[in-house]
Amino acid sequence: MSSVTTRWQQRRQAARTRRALNQALARTSSPAMRDELLTLANSR
């Protein structure tokens, strides 16, 4: 049962990270910052 809970928590964390990244990408106006955020996202 705990493995199910762990997987669920990991999926929730990944969704939170994706949402935060999408918000940051929407707010940034600098192409360099956008590239940096995308690099960070793809390194996971």
C-alpha atoms as a PDB file:
ATOM      1  CA  MET A   1       0.000   0.000   0.000  1.00  0.00           C
ATOM      2  CA  SER A   2       2.795   2.425   0.765  1.00  0.00           C
ATOM      3  CA  SER A   3       4.241   2.045  -2.752  1.00  0.00           C
ATOM      4  CA  VAL A   4       0.901   3.199  -4.159  1.00  0.00           C
ATOM      5  CA  THR A   5       0.965   6.214  -1.845  1.00  0.00           C
ATOM      6  CA  THR A   6       4.566   6.989  -2.768  1.00  0.00           C
ATOM      7  CA  ARG A   7       3.795   6.856  -6.485  1.00  0.00           C
ATOM      8  CA  TRP A   8       0.746   9.061  -5.998  1.00  0.00           C
ATOM      9  CA  GLN A   9       2.815  11.619  -4.071  1.00  0.00           C
ATOM     10  CA  GLN A  10       5.498  11.593  -6.772  1.00  0.00           C
ATOM     11  CA  ARG A  11       2.886  12.189  -9.483  1.00  0.00           C
ATOM     12  CA  ARG A  12       1.382  15.069  -7.457  1.00  0.00           C
ATOM     13  CA  GLN A  13       4.833  16.617  -6.999  1.00  0.00           C
ATOM     14  CA  ALA A  14       5.582  16.289 -10.720  1.00  0.00           C
ATOM     15  CA  ALA A  15       2.271  17.983 -11.557  1.00  0.00           C
ATOM     16  CA  ARG A  16       3.050  20.839  -9.136  1.00  0.00           C
ATOM     17  CA  THR A  17       6.500  21.243 -10.695  1.00  0.00           C
ATOM     18  CA  ARG A  18       5.043  21.302 -14.204  1.00  0.00           C
ATOM     19  CA  ARG A  19       2.456  23.910 -13.207  1.00  0.00           C
ATOM     20  CA  ALA A  20       5.095  26.095 -11.556  1.00  0.00           C
ATOM     21  CA  LEU A  21       7.328  25.819 -14.617  1.00  0.00           C
ATOM     22  CA  ASN A  22       4.472  26.687 -16.973  1.00  0.00           C
ATOM     23  CA  GLN A  23       3.640  29.746 -14.873  1.00  0.00           C
ATOM     24  CA  ALA A  24       7.280  30.850 -14.849  1.00  0.00           C
ATOM     25  CA  LEU A  25       7.495  30.421 -18.623  1.00  0.00           C
ATOM     26  CA  ALA A  26       4.332  32.474 -19.065  1.00  0.00           C
ATOM     27  CA  ARG A  27       5.731  35.294 -16.902  1.00  0.00           C
ATOM     28  CA  THR A  28       9.195  35.547 -18.429  1.00  0.00           C
ATOM     29  CA  SER A  29       9.801  37.900 -21.302  1.00  0.00           C
ATOM     30  CA  SER A  30      13.471  37.106 -21.796  1.00  0.00           C
ATOM     31  CA  PRO A  31      14.313  34.408 -24.345  1.00  0.00           C
ATOM     32  CA  ALA A  32      17.465  33.561 -22.358  1.00  0.00           C
ATOM     33  CA  MET A  33      15.445  32.973 -19.179  1.00  0.00           C
ATOM     34  CA  ARG A  34      12.937  30.911 -21.142  1.00  0.00           C
ATOM     35  CA  ASP A  35      15.757  28.731 -22.492  1.00  0.00           C
ATOM     36  CA  GLU A  36      17.182  28.359 -18.980  1.00  0.00           C
ATOM     37  CA  LEU A  37      13.798  27.267 -17.588  1.00  0.00           C
ATOM     38  CA  LEU A  38      13.302  24.772 -20.408  1.00  0.00           C
ATOM     39  CA  THR A  39      16.794  23.371 -19.823  1.00  0.00           C
ATOM     40  CA  LEU A  40      16.003  22.991 -16.142  1.00  0.00           C
ATOM     41  CA  ALA A  41      12.705  21.268 -16.929  1.00  0.00           C
ATOM     42  CA  ASN A  42      14.319  18.841 -19.349  1.00  0.00           C
ATOM     43  CA  SER A  43      17.074  17.886 -16.927  1.00  0.00           C
ATOM     44  CA  ARG A  44      14.602  16.089 -14.626  1.00  0.00           C
END
